Amino acid sequence: MHMAASTLQSRSLTLERVESVERNTTVRHVDQLDSETLAAFYGAVTGDRAVPITATDLEPGEVIVFTDYYRVKRV
């Protein structure tokens, strides 16, 4: 049985600390996150763990401003 490559997309996100943000990047401040997304974001930052895509409204490539800049990445 073979699965199409498109069905193997990742179902979780990670956060990567970045020093700078490119001009065309979507940037949100942590205060703009809804309560579920904020809880998942905070857990990922403090627990260094992945976040299920379905648990948040985070988008791969966007940057969240907290104590540092964090780029959302698909894993």
N, C-alpha and C. Protein backbone atom coordinates (compact mmCIF):
# COMPACT_ATOMS: atom_id res chain seq x y z
N MET A 1 0.85 -1.17 0.00
CA MET A 1 0.00 0.00 0.00
C MET A 1 0.89 1.24 0.00
N HIS A 2 0.61 2.18 -0.87
CA HIS A 2 1.38 3.41 -0.96
C HIS A 2 0.49 4.60 -0.65
N MET A 3 1.03 5.51 0.14
CA MET A 3 0.29 6.73 0.47
C MET A 3 0.85 7.87 -0.36
N ALA A 4 -0.01 8.74 -0.79
CA ALA A 4 0.44 9.92 -1.51
C ALA A 4 1.25 10.81 -0.57
N ALA A 5 2.24 11.46 -1.09
CA ALA A 5 3.10 12.31 -0.26
C ALA A 5 2.31 13.39 0.47
N SER A 6 1.25 13.89 -0.14
CA SER A 6 0.48 14.96 0.48
C SER A 6 -0.25 14.50 1.74
N THR A 7 -0.49 13.20 1.91
CA THR A 7 -1.17 12.71 3.10
C THR A 7 -0.21 12.53 4.26
N LEU A 8 1.08 12.71 4.02
CA LEU A 8 2.07 12.51 5.07
C LEU A 8 2.52 13.83 5.70
N GLN A 9 1.73 14.87 5.57
CA GLN A 9 2.09 16.16 6.13
C GLN A 9 2.15 16.08 7.65
N SER A 10 3.03 16.86 8.20
CA SER A 10 3.22 16.90 9.64
C SER A 10 1.96 17.42 10.35
N ARG A 11 1.74 16.92 11.53
CA ARG A 11 0.58 17.32 12.31
C ARG A 11 0.97 18.12 13.55
N SER A 12 2.23 18.56 13.63
CA SER A 12 2.64 19.35 14.79
C SER A 12 3.57 20.49 14.38
N LEU A 13 3.72 21.42 15.32
CA LEU A 13 4.53 22.61 15.11
C LEU A 13 5.57 22.71 16.22
N THR A 14 6.68 23.36 15.92
CA THR A 14 7.66 23.69 16.94
C THR A 14 7.94 25.18 16.87
N LEU A 15 8.61 25.67 17.89
CA LEU A 15 8.98 27.08 17.94
C LEU A 15 10.50 27.18 17.89
N GLU A 16 10.99 28.08 17.07
CA GLU A 16 12.42 28.29 16.94
C GLU A 16 12.73 29.74 17.30
N ARG A 17 13.61 29.94 18.28
CA ARG A 17 13.99 31.30 18.65
C ARG A 17 14.79 31.91 17.51
N VAL A 18 14.44 33.13 17.12
CA VAL A 18 15.15 33.82 16.04
C VAL A 18 15.58 35.20 16.53
N GLU A 19 16.67 35.70 15.95
CA GLU A 19 17.22 36.99 16.34
C GLU A 19 16.57 38.16 15.61
N SER A 20 16.14 37.91 14.38
CA SER A 20 15.56 38.99 13.59
C SER A 20 14.39 38.46 12.78
N VAL A 21 13.61 39.39 12.25
CA VAL A 21 12.41 39.04 11.50
C VAL A 21 12.46 39.76 10.16
N GLU A 22 12.22 39.01 9.09
CA GLU A 22 12.19 39.62 7.76
C GLU A 22 10.96 40.51 7.62
N ARG A 23 11.07 41.49 6.78
CA ARG A 23 10.03 42.51 6.61
C ARG A 23 8.66 41.93 6.25
N ASN A 24 8.59 40.90 5.43
CA ASN A 24 7.30 40.37 4.95
C ASN A 24 6.74 39.25 5.83
N THR A 25 7.32 39.02 6.99
CA THR A 25 6.88 37.97 7.90
C THR A 25 5.67 38.42 8.71
N THR A 26 4.69 37.53 8.89
CA THR A 26 3.57 37.81 9.77
C THR A 26 4.06 37.73 11.21
N VAL A 27 3.81 38.79 11.98
CA VAL A 27 4.26 38.86 13.37
C VAL A 27 3.05 39.14 14.25
N ARG A 28 2.92 38.34 15.31
CA ARG A 28 1.86 38.58 16.30
C ARG A 28 2.49 38.66 17.68
N HIS A 29 1.95 39.50 18.52
CA HIS A 29 2.39 39.57 19.91
C HIS A 29 1.64 38.51 20.70
N VAL A 30 2.27 37.99 21.72
CA VAL A 30 1.67 36.92 22.52
C VAL A 30 0.30 37.34 23.07
N ASP A 31 0.10 38.63 23.31
CA ASP A 31 -1.20 39.11 23.80
C ASP A 31 -2.33 38.96 22.79
N GLN A 32 -2.00 38.72 21.52
CA GLN A 32 -3.01 38.57 20.48
C GLN A 32 -3.49 37.12 20.33
N LEU A 33 -2.87 36.18 21.05
CA LEU A 33 -3.25 34.77 20.93
C LEU A 33 -4.48 34.48 21.77
N ASP A 34 -5.36 33.60 21.25
CA ASP A 34 -6.51 33.19 22.05
C ASP A 34 -6.01 32.30 23.20
N SER A 35 -6.86 32.02 24.17
CA SER A 35 -6.42 31.32 25.38
C SER A 35 -5.86 29.93 25.11
N GLU A 36 -6.47 29.17 24.19
CA GLU A 36 -5.97 27.83 23.88
C GLU A 36 -4.60 27.89 23.20
N THR A 37 -4.46 28.82 22.26
CA THR A 37 -3.18 28.97 21.56
C THR A 37 -2.11 29.48 22.51
N LEU A 38 -2.46 30.41 23.39
CA LEU A 38 -1.51 30.92 24.37
C LEU A 38 -1.01 29.80 25.28
N ALA A 39 -1.93 28.96 25.76
CA ALA A 39 -1.53 27.85 26.63
C ALA A 39 -0.59 26.89 25.90
N ALA A 40 -0.90 26.57 24.65
CA ALA A 40 -0.05 25.67 23.87
C ALA A 40 1.30 26.32 23.58
N PHE A 41 1.29 27.61 23.25
CA PHE A 41 2.54 28.34 22.99
C PHE A 41 3.41 28.36 24.24
N TYR A 42 2.84 28.72 25.37
CA TYR A 42 3.59 28.79 26.62
C TYR A 42 4.15 27.42 26.99
N GLY A 43 3.35 26.37 26.81
CA GLY A 43 3.83 25.02 27.09
C GLY A 43 4.99 24.63 26.19
N ALA A 44 4.94 25.04 24.94
CA ALA A 44 6.03 24.73 24.01
C ALA A 44 7.29 25.50 24.38
N VAL A 45 7.15 26.75 24.77
CA VAL A 45 8.32 27.56 25.14
C VAL A 45 8.95 27.05 26.43
N THR A 46 8.14 26.77 27.43
CA THR A 46 8.69 26.36 28.72
C THR A 46 9.04 24.88 28.78
N GLY A 47 8.36 24.07 27.97
CA GLY A 47 8.60 22.63 28.01
C GLY A 47 9.39 22.10 26.84
N ASP A 48 9.77 22.98 25.89
CA ASP A 48 10.53 22.60 24.71
C ASP A 48 9.90 21.40 24.01
N ARG A 49 8.61 21.52 23.71
CA ARG A 49 7.91 20.41 23.05
C ARG A 49 7.11 20.92 21.85
N ALA A 50 6.72 19.98 21.01
CA ALA A 50 5.94 20.31 19.82
C ALA A 50 4.50 20.62 20.22
N VAL A 51 3.81 21.32 19.33
CA VAL A 51 2.41 21.70 19.54
C VAL A 51 1.58 21.07 18.43
N PRO A 52 0.51 20.33 18.75
CA PRO A 52 -0.35 19.80 17.68
C PRO A 52 -0.97 20.95 16.88
N ILE A 53 -0.98 20.82 15.57
CA ILE A 53 -1.54 21.87 14.71
C ILE A 53 -2.99 22.16 15.08
N THR A 54 -3.75 21.12 15.39
CA THR A 54 -5.18 21.30 15.67
C THR A 54 -5.43 22.02 16.99
N ALA A 55 -4.43 22.15 17.85
CA ALA A 55 -4.61 22.78 19.16
C ALA A 55 -4.47 24.30 19.12
N THR A 56 -4.05 24.85 17.98
CA THR A 56 -3.77 26.28 17.92
C THR A 56 -4.20 26.89 16.59
N ASP A 57 -4.11 28.21 16.53
CA ASP A 57 -4.29 28.89 15.25
C ASP A 57 -2.96 29.43 14.75
N LEU A 58 -1.85 28.84 15.22
CA LEU A 58 -0.52 29.23 14.75
C LEU A 58 -0.31 28.73 13.33
N GLU A 59 0.39 29.54 12.54
CA GLU A 59 0.67 29.20 11.14
C GLU A 59 2.17 29.06 10.95
N PRO A 60 2.61 28.01 10.26
CA PRO A 60 4.05 27.87 9.97
C PRO A 60 4.59 29.13 9.29
N GLY A 61 5.73 29.60 9.75
CA GLY A 61 6.37 30.77 9.17
C GLY A 61 6.12 32.07 9.92
N GLU A 62 5.02 32.15 10.67
CA GLU A 62 4.77 33.39 11.40
C GLU A 62 5.68 33.46 12.63
N VAL A 63 5.83 34.65 13.15
CA VAL A 63 6.67 34.88 14.31
C VAL A 63 5.81 35.42 15.45
N ILE A 64 6.03 34.85 16.64
CA ILE A 64 5.32 35.29 17.83
C ILE A 64 6.31 36.03 18.72
N VAL A 65 5.93 37.23 19.18
CA VAL A 65 6.77 38.02 20.06
C VAL A 65 6.37 37.72 21.50
N PHE A 66 7.32 37.21 22.26
CA PHE A 66 7.12 36.90 23.67
C PHE A 66 8.29 37.55 24.40
N THR A 67 9.11 36.84 25.12
CA THR A 67 10.33 37.40 25.69
C THR A 67 11.41 37.48 24.62
N ASP A 68 11.25 36.71 23.56
CA ASP A 68 12.10 36.69 22.37
C ASP A 68 11.17 36.56 21.18
N TYR A 69 11.75 36.51 19.99
CA TYR A 69 10.99 36.22 18.78
C TYR A 69 11.02 34.72 18.55
N TYR A 70 9.85 34.11 18.29
CA TYR A 70 9.76 32.67 18.04
C TYR A 70 9.09 32.43 16.70
N ARG A 71 9.80 31.76 15.79
CA ARG A 71 9.23 31.41 14.49
C ARG A 71 8.53 30.06 14.63
N VAL A 72 7.31 29.97 14.10
CA VAL A 72 6.53 28.74 14.10
C VAL A 72 7.00 27.89 12.92
N LYS A 73 7.35 26.63 13.21
CA LYS A 73 7.84 25.72 12.16
C LYS A 73 7.05 24.42 12.20
N ARG A 74 6.80 23.88 11.02
CA ARG A 74 6.14 22.57 10.91
C ARG A 74 7.22 21.50 11.10
N VAL A 75 6.90 20.46 11.87
CA VAL A 75 7.84 19.33 12.05
C VAL A 75 7.29 18.08 11.43
